[in-house]
Amino acid sequence: MNRQIERTEAEPSHGSELQTAEFSRILLIKPSALGDVVHTIPVLVKLRARYPRARIDWLITPENAEVVRHHPALSNVVLFARREFSKPGQRWRAMLGFFDLLKQIRRAKYDLVVDMHGQVRSALFALISGARVRIGFDRPIKFSRTISAEHDLKNVPSHGWRGAREGSWIAYTHRIPIPTLDVHAIDRYLWVGSLLGFDDQPPDLAIYLSPETIRNVDRLLEEHGVPTRKPLVVLVPGTIWETKHWTIEGFAGVAREFLREGFAVALAGTKRDEARCQQIAAAAPGTCDLCGKTTPADLAGLIRRAEVTVTNDSGSMHVAASLGKPMVSVFGPTNPVHIGPYQRPESVVRVDLPCSPCNYRRLSQCPFDHACMKQVTSEMAVERARKILAAAKL
């Protein structure tokens, strides 16, 4: 590496010199969540195209690792067991594991770290690596009103992503400029290419699943009475924000309609979503409830197997987009321009209300009784799914 890059800079640069530099040991940091991990896959692909002989590792949580582990562009996963800190009686063991992880990162002698997470913890990993070049997003910028002609959702959100958080930008030797917030997350992540000299090929979102994952999914469905050849619809009703939840009756109505048409219908989600899935299954007898029984990789396998997936604004939506599978996603408080299914506007179902999107996270914050979600009917979602399925067969 040339001397200009190796020197420590008092003020991080935007680094045009990096476009011709070579790196041999690269660490990509994006531990979670599932949708954010999927959004980072195009960065991995571009890194591999730019540095074909480099070792490229990905620091990621164990629960998300199987989603990327088998990607041909990746050399290795570096596991960050973040959830161990929340287990009762495991705090000391988790701390020991964390220090072992820091030692592992230090020993790897990375010469380039790309931090797509942008929090103090990920910045610590970048610093501990000792890499001479550490790249992450710049400090937060002010929100501004949407101005692009094609982006007609003109709200000014009160919060949301607007740059590196918690002072993490201090850890970077080179910062990714943030010219606007009016862009999809995948395109925003790929701004790192202006520093590193990425090619101009379209983003590659492909997910590679192991044969074992595919077999696990087939076996799980068989055990719940869904034979391999039966057409499948997957419903994923869970999400972290209360306000992003579509109604129980909305999902149940979709399930009943597809069951009448001869499809198998499976519910999927995490342990956190079990109560919602149980209510939907009770309202749509014959639905197969797999909630809490799948890993993120298994979820991807289910979506790969399905004819169509119906969900909220959630990680499963991004998985479906990456797999190129038909999908319908109900949007209300969040902006599909920024975080919707990438280049799949036809998959978004929403009602055009003056208050939506709003970015309220809790139902108690909504002054309009969750109107943006309650006004989306199961008939609207089913009609959109049928159109998408018909187009896929052309």
Protein backbone atom coordinates (compact mmCIF):
# COMPACT_ATOMS: atom_id res chain seq x y z
CA MET A 1 0.00 0.00 0.00
CA ASN A 2 1.32 3.44 -0.79
CA ARG A 3 2.64 5.83 1.84
CA GLN A 4 -0.17 8.33 1.37
CA ILE A 5 -2.76 5.82 2.53
CA GLU A 6 -0.69 4.44 5.39
CA ARG A 7 -0.25 7.75 7.15
CA THR A 8 -2.71 8.62 9.93
CA GLU A 9 -4.76 11.65 9.00
CA ALA A 10 -5.80 14.28 11.51
CA GLU A 11 -9.02 14.84 9.58
CA PRO A 12 -10.55 11.85 7.77
CA SER A 13 -10.56 12.32 4.02
CA HIS A 14 -12.92 11.31 1.25
CA GLY A 15 -9.87 9.61 -0.30
CA SER A 16 -9.70 9.58 -4.09
CA GLU A 17 -6.33 7.82 -3.58
CA LEU A 18 -8.20 4.69 -2.48
CA GLN A 19 -9.57 4.14 -5.98
CA THR A 20 -6.22 2.77 -7.15
CA ALA A 21 -5.07 1.18 -3.87
CA GLU A 22 -5.00 -2.59 -3.37
CA PHE A 23 -6.08 -4.40 -0.22
CA SER A 24 -5.53 -8.05 0.66
CA ARG A 25 -7.42 -8.49 3.96
CA ILE A 26 -10.83 -6.86 4.20
CA LEU A 27 -13.43 -6.85 6.99
CA LEU A 28 -17.03 -5.89 6.20
CA ILE A 29 -19.08 -4.97 9.28
CA LYS A 30 -22.88 -5.30 9.28
CA PRO A 31 -23.98 -7.63 12.09
CA SER A 32 -27.77 -7.18 11.85
CA ALA A 33 -30.74 -6.83 11.26
CA LEU A 34 -31.85 -9.23 8.54
CA GLY A 35 -33.00 -6.54 6.09
CA ASP A 36 -29.84 -4.50 6.64
CA VAL A 37 -27.71 -7.59 6.09
CA VAL A 38 -29.48 -8.25 2.78
CA HIS A 39 -28.92 -4.62 1.79
CA THR A 40 -25.19 -5.09 2.37
CA ILE A 41 -24.80 -8.08 0.03
CA PRO A 42 -24.28 -5.83 -3.03
CA VAL A 43 -21.37 -4.17 -1.20
CA LEU A 44 -19.81 -7.61 -0.68
CA VAL A 45 -20.19 -8.42 -4.38
CA LYS A 46 -18.61 -5.12 -5.40
CA LEU A 47 -15.72 -5.64 -2.98
CA ARG A 48 -15.02 -9.04 -4.51
CA ALA A 49 -15.11 -7.62 -8.05
CA ARG A 50 -12.75 -4.82 -7.01
CA TYR A 51 -10.35 -7.06 -5.04
CA PRO A 52 -10.64 -10.53 -6.64
CA ARG A 53 -7.73 -12.08 -4.71
CA ALA A 54 -8.42 -10.53 -1.29
CA ARG A 55 -9.60 -12.27 1.84
CA ILE A 56 -13.02 -10.74 2.55
CA ASP A 57 -14.61 -11.50 5.93
CA TRP A 58 -17.99 -10.37 7.25
CA LEU A 59 -18.58 -9.56 10.93
CA ILE A 60 -22.15 -10.71 11.58
CA THR A 61 -24.37 -12.18 14.29
CA PRO A 62 -24.68 -16.00 14.37
CA GLU A 63 -28.42 -15.91 13.62
CA ASN A 64 -27.83 -14.03 10.35
CA ALA A 65 -24.58 -15.75 9.36
CA GLU A 66 -26.19 -18.58 7.38
CA VAL A 67 -27.83 -16.05 5.08
CA VAL A 68 -24.41 -14.96 3.77
CA ARG A 69 -22.00 -17.77 4.73
CA HIS A 70 -22.31 -19.58 1.38
CA HIS A 71 -21.98 -16.51 -0.83
CA PRO A 72 -19.18 -17.13 -3.37
CA ALA A 73 -17.80 -13.61 -2.84
CA LEU A 74 -17.21 -14.21 0.88
CA SER A 75 -14.13 -15.77 2.44
CA ASN A 76 -15.32 -16.18 6.02
CA VAL A 77 -17.83 -15.05 8.64
CA VAL A 78 -16.65 -13.52 11.91
CA LEU A 79 -19.33 -14.17 14.53
CA PHE A 80 -20.45 -11.51 16.99
CA ALA A 81 -22.75 -13.24 19.53
CA ARG A 82 -24.53 -10.07 20.61
CA ARG A 83 -27.58 -11.86 22.02
CA GLU A 84 -25.45 -13.64 24.62
CA PHE A 85 -25.33 -10.39 26.60
CA SER A 86 -29.10 -10.50 27.18
CA LYS A 87 -29.21 -14.08 28.51
CA PRO A 88 -29.65 -14.34 32.29
CA GLY A 89 -26.46 -15.41 34.04
CA GLN A 90 -24.43 -15.27 30.81
CA ARG A 91 -23.06 -11.72 31.06
CA TRP A 92 -19.58 -12.78 32.23
CA ARG A 93 -19.29 -15.50 29.59
CA ALA A 94 -20.50 -13.05 26.96
CA MET A 95 -17.82 -10.55 27.99
CA LEU A 96 -15.12 -13.20 27.69
CA GLY A 97 -16.41 -14.11 24.25
CA PHE A 98 -16.43 -10.44 23.27
CA PHE A 99 -12.76 -10.01 24.27
CA ASP A 100 -11.88 -13.17 22.34
CA LEU A 101 -13.60 -11.66 19.31
CA LEU A 102 -11.56 -8.47 19.64
CA LYS A 103 -8.38 -10.56 19.75
CA GLN A 104 -9.51 -12.52 16.67
CA ILE A 105 -10.12 -9.29 14.75
CA ARG A 106 -6.75 -7.89 15.81
CA ARG A 107 -4.89 -11.05 14.81
CA ALA A 108 -6.45 -11.05 11.33
CA LYS A 109 -4.40 -7.93 10.43
CA TYR A 110 -7.03 -6.42 8.16
CA ASP A 111 -5.79 -3.58 5.99
CA LEU A 112 -9.30 -2.36 5.06
CA VAL A 113 -12.42 -2.23 7.24
CA VAL A 114 -15.76 -1.15 5.80
CA ASP A 115 -18.26 -0.40 8.58
CA MET A 116 -21.78 -0.30 7.20
CA HIS A 117 -23.33 -0.41 10.69
CA GLY A 118 -22.18 2.93 12.02
CA GLN A 119 -22.60 2.56 15.79
CA VAL A 120 -20.08 2.87 18.59
CA ARG A 121 -19.74 -0.91 18.90
CA SER A 122 -18.99 -1.44 15.21
CA ALA A 123 -16.60 1.52 15.29
CA LEU A 124 -14.78 -0.19 18.17
CA PHE A 125 -14.33 -3.29 16.00
CA ALA A 126 -12.93 -1.07 13.24
CA LEU A 127 -10.46 0.60 15.61
CA ILE A 128 -9.38 -2.64 17.27
CA SER A 129 -8.62 -4.15 13.86
CA GLY A 130 -5.66 -1.80 13.49
CA ALA A 131 -6.53 -1.41 9.80
CA ARG A 132 -4.86 1.58 8.19
CA VAL A 133 -8.01 2.32 6.20
CA ARG A 134 -11.32 2.34 8.04
CA ILE A 135 -14.36 3.49 6.10
CA GLY A 136 -17.82 4.39 7.38
CA PHE A 137 -20.55 6.95 6.89
CA ASP A 138 -20.08 10.57 7.82
CA ARG A 139 -21.77 12.23 10.79
CA PRO A 140 -25.57 12.72 10.63
CA ILE A 141 -27.01 15.37 8.36
CA LYS A 142 -30.29 17.28 8.77
CA PHE A 143 -33.51 15.85 7.43
CA SER A 144 -34.91 17.61 4.39
CA ARG A 145 -38.07 17.31 2.38
CA THR A 146 -38.15 14.85 -0.50
CA ILE A 147 -37.56 16.72 -3.76
CA SER A 148 -37.06 14.04 -6.42
CA ALA A 149 -39.86 14.07 -8.98
CA GLU A 150 -40.22 10.29 -8.83
CA HIS A 151 -40.38 10.32 -5.02
CA ASP A 152 -43.86 11.61 -4.27
CA LEU A 153 -43.88 10.79 -0.54
CA LYS A 154 -43.01 14.24 0.67
CA ASN A 155 -43.08 13.92 4.44
CA VAL A 156 -40.29 15.15 6.66
CA PRO A 157 -39.58 12.28 9.09
CA SER A 158 -38.83 13.14 12.69
CA HIS A 159 -36.23 10.41 13.02
CA GLY A 160 -34.58 7.58 11.14
CA TRP A 161 -31.20 6.93 9.56
CA ARG A 162 -29.31 10.08 8.63
CA GLY A 163 -25.66 9.12 9.14
CA ALA A 164 -23.24 7.33 11.44
CA ARG A 165 -24.47 7.31 15.02
CA GLU A 166 -23.06 7.56 18.55
CA GLY A 167 -19.93 9.38 17.37
CA SER A 168 -18.79 6.32 15.41
CA TRP A 169 -17.58 8.51 12.54
CA ILE A 170 -14.62 9.53 14.68
CA ALA A 171 -13.15 6.04 14.24
CA TYR A 172 -12.95 6.23 10.45
CA THR A 173 -9.98 7.34 8.40
CA HIS A 174 -12.28 7.95 5.42
CA ARG A 175 -15.94 8.94 5.60
CA ILE A 176 -18.65 8.29 3.05
CA PRO A 177 -20.31 11.63 2.21
CA ILE A 178 -24.12 11.83 2.57
CA PRO A 179 -25.40 14.14 -0.17
CA THR A 180 -29.06 13.27 0.41
CA LEU A 181 -31.37 11.00 2.40
CA ASP A 182 -33.70 10.67 -0.58
CA VAL A 183 -32.29 7.34 -1.77
CA HIS A 184 -32.86 3.64 -1.18
CA ALA A 185 -30.69 2.02 1.49
CA ILE A 186 -28.94 -0.26 -1.04
CA ASP A 187 -27.92 2.67 -3.22
CA ARG A 188 -26.78 4.52 -0.10
CA TYR A 189 -24.58 1.61 0.99
CA LEU A 190 -23.02 1.51 -2.46
CA TRP A 191 -21.83 5.10 -2.08
CA VAL A 192 -18.71 3.51 -0.57
CA GLY A 193 -17.86 2.66 -4.16
CA SER A 194 -17.04 6.29 -4.88
CA LEU A 195 -14.14 5.94 -2.45
CA LEU A 196 -12.93 2.48 -3.47
CA GLY A 197 -13.52 2.61 -7.22
CA PHE A 198 -16.34 0.07 -7.61
CA ASP A 199 -17.55 -0.86 -11.08
CA ASP A 200 -20.85 0.52 -12.41
CA GLN A 201 -22.62 -2.82 -12.84
CA PRO A 202 -26.15 -3.08 -11.37
CA PRO A 203 -26.30 -4.23 -7.73
CA ASP A 204 -26.29 -8.00 -7.25
CA LEU A 205 -28.60 -8.92 -4.35
CA ALA A 206 -28.49 -12.70 -4.75
CA ILE A 207 -28.70 -14.89 -1.65
CA TYR A 208 -26.99 -18.29 -1.70
CA LEU A 209 -28.50 -20.90 0.59
CA SER A 210 -26.89 -24.19 1.53
CA PRO A 211 -28.39 -27.50 0.35
CA GLU A 212 -28.86 -28.33 4.04
CA THR A 213 -31.09 -25.29 4.52
CA ILE A 214 -33.22 -26.28 1.52
CA ARG A 215 -33.57 -29.80 2.91
CA ASN A 216 -34.47 -28.46 6.36
CA VAL A 217 -37.25 -26.35 4.90
CA ASP A 218 -38.65 -29.20 2.82
CA ARG A 219 -38.58 -31.48 5.87
CA LEU A 220 -40.27 -28.86 8.08
CA LEU A 221 -43.07 -28.38 5.56
CA GLU A 222 -43.54 -32.13 5.13
CA GLU A 223 -43.78 -32.55 8.91
CA HIS A 224 -46.58 -29.96 8.94
CA GLY A 225 -48.54 -31.57 6.13
CA VAL A 226 -47.27 -29.53 3.17
CA PRO A 227 -45.99 -31.86 0.43
CA THR A 228 -43.14 -30.74 -1.80
CA ARG A 229 -45.24 -30.19 -4.93
CA LYS A 230 -48.09 -28.24 -3.33
CA PRO A 231 -48.04 -24.50 -4.18
CA LEU A 232 -47.19 -22.44 -1.11
CA VAL A 233 -47.98 -18.93 0.12
CA VAL A 234 -45.87 -17.61 3.00
CA LEU A 235 -47.18 -14.95 5.39
CA VAL A 236 -44.70 -13.11 7.62
CA PRO A 237 -46.77 -10.84 9.88
CA GLY A 238 -44.12 -9.78 12.39
CA THR A 239 -41.94 -6.68 12.64
CA ILE A 240 -40.34 -4.74 15.49
CA TRP A 241 -42.31 -1.50 15.18
CA GLU A 242 -45.90 -1.74 16.48
CA THR A 243 -47.05 0.65 13.78
CA LYS A 244 -45.65 -1.43 10.90
CA HIS A 245 -47.93 -4.35 11.77
CA TRP A 246 -50.72 -4.95 9.31
CA THR A 247 -53.95 -6.14 10.90
CA ILE A 248 -54.58 -9.71 12.07
CA GLU A 249 -57.72 -9.84 9.93
CA GLY A 250 -55.80 -8.55 6.91
CA PHE A 251 -53.36 -11.47 7.05
CA ALA A 252 -56.10 -13.94 7.95
CA GLY A 253 -58.20 -12.80 4.98
CA VAL A 254 -55.26 -13.38 2.65
CA ALA A 255 -54.72 -16.83 4.16
CA ARG A 256 -58.39 -17.83 3.78
CA GLU A 257 -58.51 -16.72 0.15
CA PHE A 258 -55.39 -18.64 -0.89
CA LEU A 259 -56.49 -21.70 1.09
CA ARG A 260 -59.78 -21.65 -0.87
CA GLU A 261 -57.76 -21.57 -4.09
CA GLY A 262 -55.88 -24.73 -3.14
CA PHE A 263 -52.61 -23.24 -1.90
CA ALA A 264 -50.87 -24.29 1.27
CA VAL A 265 -50.39 -21.26 3.54
CA ALA A 266 -47.57 -21.07 6.08
CA LEU A 267 -46.94 -18.46 8.76
CA ALA A 268 -43.35 -17.63 9.65
CA GLY A 269 -41.67 -15.36 12.17
CA THR A 270 -39.59 -15.21 15.32
CA LYS A 271 -40.56 -16.12 18.88
CA ARG A 272 -41.60 -12.51 19.31
CA ASP A 273 -44.29 -12.96 16.64
CA GLU A 274 -45.89 -16.14 18.00
CA ALA A 275 -49.00 -14.49 19.49
CA ARG A 276 -49.82 -12.71 16.22
CA CYS A 277 -49.29 -15.88 14.21
CA GLN A 278 -51.50 -17.89 16.57
CA GLN A 279 -54.32 -15.36 16.14
CA ILE A 280 -53.99 -15.44 12.35
CA ALA A 281 -53.92 -19.25 12.29
CA ALA A 282 -57.03 -19.38 14.48
CA ALA A 283 -58.86 -16.99 12.13
CA ALA A 284 -57.80 -18.98 9.05
CA PRO A 285 -58.17 -22.71 9.83
CA GLY A 286 -55.83 -24.87 7.78
CA THR A 287 -52.94 -22.40 7.95
CA CYS A 288 -49.59 -23.98 8.87
CA ASP A 289 -47.99 -22.06 11.75
CA LEU A 290 -44.19 -22.28 11.59
CA CYS A 291 -43.59 -19.21 13.74
CA GLY A 292 -40.57 -19.61 16.01
CA LYS A 293 -39.46 -22.76 14.19
CA THR A 294 -37.18 -21.19 11.56
CA THR A 295 -33.83 -19.43 11.45
CA PRO A 296 -33.30 -16.43 9.14
CA ALA A 297 -31.76 -18.82 6.60
CA ASP A 298 -34.78 -21.15 6.93
CA LEU A 299 -37.04 -18.15 6.35
CA ALA A 300 -35.14 -17.43 3.14
CA GLY A 301 -35.60 -21.07 2.17
CA LEU A 302 -39.35 -20.83 2.81
CA ILE A 303 -39.61 -17.70 0.69
CA ARG A 304 -37.59 -19.39 -2.06
CA ARG A 305 -40.06 -22.28 -1.98
CA ALA A 306 -43.18 -20.04 -2.00
CA GLU A 307 -45.20 -18.86 -4.95
CA VAL A 308 -45.68 -15.52 -3.21
CA THR A 309 -44.87 -13.97 0.16
CA VAL A 310 -47.08 -11.44 1.96
CA THR A 311 -45.53 -9.34 4.71
CA ASN A 312 -45.20 -5.92 6.33
CA ASP A 313 -42.17 -3.67 5.98
CA SER A 314 -39.75 -6.28 7.32
CA GLY A 315 -36.58 -8.24 6.63
CA SER A 316 -38.58 -10.97 4.87
CA MET A 317 -39.59 -8.43 2.23
CA HIS A 318 -35.94 -7.74 1.43
CA VAL A 319 -35.15 -11.46 1.38
CA ALA A 320 -37.90 -11.99 -1.19
CA ALA A 321 -36.58 -9.14 -3.31
CA SER A 322 -33.05 -10.58 -3.20
CA LEU A 323 -34.30 -14.01 -4.18
CA GLY A 324 -36.30 -12.52 -7.05
CA LYS A 325 -39.52 -14.02 -5.67
CA PRO A 326 -43.05 -12.58 -5.99
CA MET A 327 -43.97 -10.63 -2.87
CA VAL A 328 -46.53 -8.17 -1.51
CA SER A 329 -45.62 -5.84 1.34
CA VAL A 330 -48.05 -3.60 3.23
CA PHE A 331 -46.63 -0.17 4.08
CA GLY A 332 -47.96 2.52 6.39
CA PRO A 333 -45.70 4.58 8.68
CA THR A 334 -42.46 3.99 6.77
CA ASN A 335 -41.36 5.23 3.38
CA PRO A 336 -41.03 2.57 0.65
CA VAL A 337 -38.93 4.96 -1.43
CA HIS A 338 -36.13 4.59 1.11
CA ILE A 339 -36.60 1.10 2.56
CA GLY A 340 -39.07 -0.69 0.32
CA PRO A 341 -38.32 -3.77 -1.79
CA TYR A 342 -35.47 -2.70 -4.06
CA GLN A 343 -36.72 -1.72 -7.53
CA ARG A 344 -40.01 -3.50 -6.88
CA PRO A 345 -42.57 -0.67 -6.42
CA GLU A 346 -45.35 -2.91 -7.72
CA SER A 347 -44.95 -5.07 -4.60
CA VAL A 348 -45.91 -2.25 -2.21
CA VAL A 349 -49.53 -1.90 -1.09
CA ARG A 350 -50.43 1.26 0.81
CA VAL A 351 -53.15 3.88 1.10
CA ASP A 352 -52.28 7.46 0.23
CA LEU A 353 -53.05 9.34 3.44
CA PRO A 354 -51.70 12.82 4.27
CA CYS A 355 -50.26 11.47 7.53
CA SER A 356 -48.43 8.53 5.99
CA PRO A 357 -45.54 7.93 6.16
CA CYS A 358 -44.84 9.27 9.63
CA ASN A 359 -42.12 7.09 11.21
CA TYR A 360 -44.02 6.71 14.50
CA ARG A 361 -42.86 3.49 16.12
CA ARG A 362 -45.57 2.93 18.76
CA LEU A 363 -49.33 2.76 18.29
CA SER A 364 -49.79 5.18 21.20
CA GLN A 365 -48.02 7.83 19.10
CA CYS A 366 -50.48 7.59 16.21
CA PRO A 367 -53.28 10.20 16.42
CA PHE A 368 -55.28 8.56 13.60
CA ASP A 369 -55.98 5.07 15.01
CA HIS A 370 -53.50 3.31 12.72
CA ALA A 371 -55.57 4.34 9.69
CA CYS A 372 -52.73 3.76 7.21
CA MET A 373 -52.77 0.04 8.00
CA LYS A 374 -56.42 -0.51 8.88
CA GLN A 375 -57.54 0.87 5.51
CA VAL A 376 -55.48 -1.73 3.62
CA THR A 377 -57.83 -4.68 3.10
CA SER A 378 -57.04 -8.33 2.45
CA GLU A 379 -58.77 -7.93 -0.91
CA MET A 380 -56.24 -5.26 -1.89
CA ALA A 381 -53.31 -7.50 -0.97
CA VAL A 382 -54.76 -10.58 -2.71
CA GLU A 383 -55.53 -8.62 -5.89
CA ARG A 384 -51.96 -7.28 -5.98
CA ALA A 385 -50.55 -10.77 -5.37
CA ARG A 386 -52.58 -12.16 -8.26
CA LYS A 387 -51.35 -9.46 -10.60
CA ILE A 388 -47.74 -10.08 -9.62
CA LEU A 389 -48.11 -13.84 -10.01
CA ALA A 390 -49.73 -13.41 -13.43
CA ALA A 391 -46.90 -11.10 -14.55
CA ALA A 392 -44.30 -13.61 -13.33
CA LYS A 393 -45.78 -16.30 -15.57
CA LEU A 394 -45.53 -14.18 -18.74
